Structure formats: structure tokens, C-alpha cells
Amino acid sequence: MLDADFFRRWMTTTAAAVDREAAHLTELDSAIGDADHGSNLQRGFTAVVAALEKEPPQTPGAVLMLAGRQLISTVGGASGPLYGTLLRRTGKALGDAPTVTVGDLAQALGTGVAAVAQLGGAQAGDKTMLDALLPAAEALGTSFEAARDAAQAGALATVPLQARKGRASYLGERSIGHQDPGATSSALLITALAESDGAAGGAA
């Protein structure tokens, strides 16, 4: 079973990964976006960690809802609302349960990803964060490792795609050949989830 500590660990592990990869994310974004994806997410997840330390939520759902609210209020551009929606809707779907199963999380994450798709009007193959999140949510029912691998493969698969949504879509064919920064950061989020499970000794 996964408790609030696990979800706080997921958010702090994500923050560390974003911190480590911020320059790379901004480099990817400079090719097809506004060159601020890494710095924006870095600021957002730093705020998430600070909020979680100040007043630690006691349920998995509350952890994600707090994280989502922080991202919406501190991250500029499209990333804040999209990531904030992902985490808030996932947290809301988990409800008030003190512990949840991996299956519960997989179902809730699917709800969160669907909310992101609705908000951004994007779908698989549009060269967005959904290209990592959709396969990850589907694979999470199998294992954390399967979700991680699916997210990483999904991010890499954005390279040959032409962007059809978001800032990169304005570039048309010039967006081809570049890895999508949103899909890349989404893969970091799911990779951090798998690492958090490993740190818990495989709590399931």
C-alpha cells in the first residue's frame, strides 16, 4: 500500500530530477518553445517541496492536490496549468483514503491524464506531454517500472513527430527532429515515481 509519505517522496524525488535536468529541459525548449520550461518547472517543484515540508498533508490525495495547486500558482506558461491539473485531478480521484494501491493510483493517474488532454485539446501523437503520460498511465497497472519505460519511450518517440499543439506547433515541419520538452519532463515525473517505489522497498 502507498501512503502519504510515499507520495511526498515522489514529489521530492521529482523536484530533485527537475533540478538536475533543468538546463537540459530548457535546451530542448529553446529549439521549439520559449526556452523557459526547465526554469519554470524548477521554480514550481521547489515551491511544492517547501509547501509539503511546511504542512505535510496526511493522505496521498491531499499531497497531490497541494502539489498541483503550488504548480498552478508558481509556474508560468502552459506548464503550470497542465501539470497542476494532472496532479490535482489525480489527487482528487484518490479521494481521502489514507493508503492506496498501485491499481488505485493507475486509475487515478488515468483520470488526471484525461483532464490534461481535455485542457490542452491534445491527443497521442501531437508531440506533447501526453505522448509520455498516456502510455505511462496505461502501463502503471502492470508495474512502476513498466510505466517508467513507457514514459521514457514515449518522450523519445516525439523526436520524429511534427507538433500539432502548443507553442511548437507554430513551427510546422521545423518542429520535426526535436524531442518535446513537456514529454521529457513528464518522463522525469514517472521515472521519479518508479524511484520512489524502489526507495520504499517495492511497496505495492
Protein backbone atom coordinates (compact mmCIF):
# COMPACT_ATOMS: atom_id res chain seq x y z
CA MET A 1 0.00 0.00 0.00
CA LEU A 2 1.11 3.54 -0.77
CA ASP A 3 0.76 6.18 1.96
CA ALA A 4 1.23 9.95 2.18
CA ASP A 5 4.96 9.51 2.88
CA PHE A 6 5.33 7.69 -0.43
CA PHE A 7 3.61 10.50 -2.33
CA ARG A 8 5.69 13.16 -0.60
CA ARG A 9 8.78 11.17 -1.56
CA TRP A 10 7.52 11.06 -5.17
CA MET A 11 7.23 14.86 -5.25
CA THR A 12 10.65 15.48 -3.65
CA THR A 13 12.28 12.94 -5.98
CA THR A 14 10.64 14.69 -8.94
CA ALA A 15 11.88 18.06 -7.68
CA ALA A 16 15.43 16.72 -7.47
CA ALA A 17 15.19 15.31 -11.01
CA VAL A 18 13.84 18.59 -12.39
CA ASP A 19 16.61 20.46 -10.59
CA ARG A 20 19.20 18.15 -12.12
CA GLU A 21 17.72 18.26 -15.64
CA ALA A 22 16.53 21.90 -15.73
CA ALA A 23 19.23 23.05 -18.15
CA HIS A 24 18.51 20.12 -20.48
CA LEU A 25 14.76 20.82 -20.43
CA THR A 26 15.37 24.48 -21.23
CA GLU A 27 17.76 23.48 -24.02
CA LEU A 28 15.05 21.28 -25.56
CA ASP A 29 12.54 24.10 -25.14
CA SER A 30 14.85 26.64 -26.77
CA ALA A 31 14.61 24.66 -30.02
CA ILE A 32 10.81 24.52 -30.27
CA GLY A 33 9.42 26.66 -27.44
CA ASP A 34 10.09 29.66 -25.21
CA ALA A 35 13.33 28.40 -23.63
CA ASP A 36 11.88 28.50 -20.12
CA HIS A 37 10.48 25.01 -19.45
CA GLY A 38 13.31 23.89 -17.17
CA SER A 39 13.48 27.08 -15.11
CA ASN A 40 9.69 27.26 -14.80
CA LEU A 41 9.36 23.68 -13.55
CA GLN A 42 12.36 24.12 -11.26
CA ARG A 43 10.67 27.09 -9.60
CA GLY A 44 7.38 25.19 -9.34
CA PHE A 45 8.69 21.99 -7.80
CA THR A 46 10.89 23.96 -5.38
CA ALA A 47 7.66 25.60 -4.17
CA VAL A 48 5.98 22.19 -3.97
CA VAL A 49 8.71 20.78 -1.70
CA ALA A 50 8.61 23.87 0.52
CA ALA A 51 4.82 23.61 0.88
CA LEU A 52 4.96 19.89 1.68
CA GLU A 53 7.60 20.48 4.37
CA LYS A 54 5.69 23.38 5.91
CA GLU A 55 2.45 21.49 6.39
CA PRO A 56 2.72 17.82 5.34
CA PRO A 57 -0.64 16.50 4.05
CA GLN A 58 -1.78 13.27 5.66
CA THR A 59 -3.29 11.44 2.67
CA PRO A 60 -1.98 10.59 -0.81
CA GLY A 61 -4.73 12.60 -2.48
CA ALA A 62 -4.02 15.67 -0.35
CA VAL A 63 -0.29 15.53 -1.22
CA LEU A 64 -1.02 15.62 -4.94
CA MET A 65 -3.71 18.27 -4.65
CA LEU A 66 -1.37 20.56 -2.71
CA ALA A 67 1.40 19.95 -5.25
CA GLY A 68 -0.96 20.74 -8.10
CA ARG A 69 -2.09 24.00 -6.50
CA GLN A 70 1.51 25.09 -5.98
CA LEU A 71 2.43 24.40 -9.60
CA ILE A 72 -0.55 26.35 -10.91
CA SER A 73 0.33 29.35 -8.74
CA THR A 74 4.11 29.40 -9.34
CA VAL A 75 4.82 28.03 -12.84
CA GLY A 76 4.49 30.32 -15.82
CA GLY A 77 3.40 29.46 -19.33
CA ALA A 78 1.29 26.42 -20.16
CA SER A 79 3.24 24.04 -17.92
CA GLY A 80 1.75 25.25 -14.64
CA PRO A 81 -1.91 24.70 -15.52
CA LEU A 82 -1.18 21.40 -17.28
CA TYR A 83 0.98 19.86 -14.54
CA GLY A 84 -1.23 21.38 -11.87
CA THR A 85 -4.31 19.85 -13.46
CA LEU A 86 -2.58 16.48 -13.78
CA LEU A 87 -1.69 16.30 -10.09
CA ARG A 88 -4.87 17.90 -8.73
CA ARG A 89 -7.20 15.66 -10.71
CA THR A 90 -5.13 12.57 -9.86
CA GLY A 91 -5.24 13.56 -6.18
CA LYS A 92 -8.98 14.24 -6.31
CA ALA A 93 -9.56 10.82 -7.88
CA LEU A 94 -7.67 9.19 -4.99
CA GLY A 95 -10.08 10.77 -2.52
CA ASP A 96 -9.46 10.82 1.24
CA ALA A 97 -8.09 7.29 1.63
CA PRO A 98 -5.04 7.12 3.97
CA THR A 99 -3.43 4.49 1.73
CA VAL A 100 -3.96 3.46 -1.88
CA THR A 101 -2.91 0.55 -4.09
CA VAL A 102 -0.87 0.78 -7.26
CA GLY A 103 -4.09 -0.06 -9.11
CA ASP A 104 -5.85 2.87 -7.43
CA LEU A 105 -3.01 5.17 -8.48
CA ALA A 106 -3.04 3.85 -12.05
CA GLN A 107 -6.76 4.55 -12.34
CA ALA A 108 -6.43 7.99 -10.74
CA LEU A 109 -3.47 8.92 -12.95
CA GLY A 110 -5.56 7.96 -15.98
CA THR A 111 -8.19 10.44 -14.77
CA GLY A 112 -5.54 13.13 -14.37
CA VAL A 113 -4.08 12.50 -17.82
CA ALA A 114 -7.56 12.66 -19.37
CA ALA A 115 -8.05 16.06 -17.70
CA VAL A 116 -4.76 17.29 -19.21
CA ALA A 117 -5.88 16.10 -22.65
CA GLN A 118 -9.15 17.96 -22.26
CA LEU A 119 -7.47 21.15 -21.02
CA GLY A 120 -4.86 21.24 -23.78
CA GLY A 121 -7.02 19.78 -26.53
CA ALA A 122 -4.22 17.36 -27.40
CA GLN A 123 -4.05 13.64 -28.07
CA ALA A 124 -1.42 10.97 -28.62
CA GLY A 125 0.95 11.84 -31.45
CA ASP A 126 0.57 15.63 -31.12
CA LYS A 127 4.12 15.94 -29.70
CA THR A 128 3.13 16.99 -26.18
CA MET A 129 3.48 15.69 -22.62
CA LEU A 130 0.63 13.29 -23.39
CA ASP A 131 2.95 11.21 -25.56
CA ALA A 132 4.74 10.22 -22.35
CA LEU A 133 1.80 10.32 -19.93
CA LEU A 134 -0.76 8.26 -21.85
CA PRO A 135 1.40 5.13 -22.23
CA ALA A 136 2.71 5.56 -18.68
CA ALA A 137 -0.77 5.65 -17.15
CA GLU A 138 -1.72 2.55 -19.12
CA ALA A 139 1.46 0.67 -18.15
CA LEU A 140 1.24 1.63 -14.46
CA GLY A 141 -1.37 -1.11 -13.98
CA THR A 142 1.47 -3.56 -14.70
CA SER A 143 4.27 -2.02 -12.62
CA PHE A 144 6.10 1.20 -11.79
CA GLU A 145 9.00 0.05 -13.97
CA ALA A 146 6.69 -0.56 -16.94
CA ALA A 147 5.26 2.94 -16.52
CA ARG A 148 8.75 4.44 -16.37
CA ASP A 149 9.87 2.60 -19.50
CA ALA A 150 6.68 3.56 -21.35
CA ALA A 151 7.09 7.24 -20.43
CA GLN A 152 10.74 7.34 -21.47
CA ALA A 153 9.97 5.58 -24.77
CA GLY A 154 7.06 7.96 -25.35
CA ALA A 155 9.27 11.00 -24.85
CA LEU A 156 11.88 9.67 -27.30
CA ALA A 157 9.14 8.90 -29.81
CA THR A 158 8.29 12.62 -30.05
CA VAL A 159 11.54 13.35 -31.93
CA PRO A 160 10.26 12.48 -35.45
CA LEU A 161 6.79 13.94 -34.85
CA GLN A 162 5.51 17.27 -36.13
CA ALA A 163 3.97 19.27 -33.29
CA ARG A 164 0.23 19.80 -33.62
CA LYS A 165 -0.42 21.52 -30.29
CA GLY A 166 1.29 24.11 -28.13
CA ARG A 167 4.00 26.63 -28.91
CA ALA A 168 5.95 24.16 -31.03
CA SER A 169 3.03 23.74 -33.45
CA TYR A 170 3.73 27.24 -34.80
CA LEU A 171 6.98 25.92 -36.27
CA GLY A 172 5.24 23.38 -38.50
CA GLU A 173 7.73 20.98 -40.08
CA ARG A 174 10.63 22.68 -38.30
CA SER A 175 9.43 21.03 -35.07
CA ILE A 176 10.40 17.64 -36.53
CA GLY A 177 13.67 16.23 -35.20
CA HIS A 178 13.39 17.73 -31.72
CA GLN A 179 12.35 15.93 -28.53
CA ASP A 180 9.36 17.52 -26.87
CA PRO A 181 10.33 19.18 -23.56
CA GLY A 182 6.91 18.52 -21.97
CA ALA A 183 7.08 14.82 -22.77
CA THR A 184 10.64 14.78 -21.43
CA SER A 185 9.70 16.37 -18.11
CA SER A 186 6.68 14.06 -17.86
CA ALA A 187 9.04 11.11 -18.21
CA LEU A 188 11.07 12.56 -15.31
CA LEU A 189 7.89 12.64 -13.21
CA ILE A 190 7.11 8.98 -13.94
CA THR A 191 10.74 7.92 -13.51
CA ALA A 192 10.70 9.61 -10.09
CA LEU A 193 7.58 7.57 -9.25
CA ALA A 194 9.46 4.34 -10.01
CA GLU A 195 12.46 5.51 -7.98
CA SER A 196 10.19 6.33 -5.04
CA ASP A 197 8.83 2.79 -5.14
CA GLY A 198 12.35 1.39 -5.10
CA ALA A 199 13.21 3.58 -2.12
CA ALA A 200 10.22 2.13 -0.31
CA GLY A 201 11.43 -1.39 -0.90
CA GLY A 202 8.79 -2.03 -3.53
CA ALA A 203 5.69 -1.02 -1.56
CA ALA A 204 2.71 -2.15 -3.56
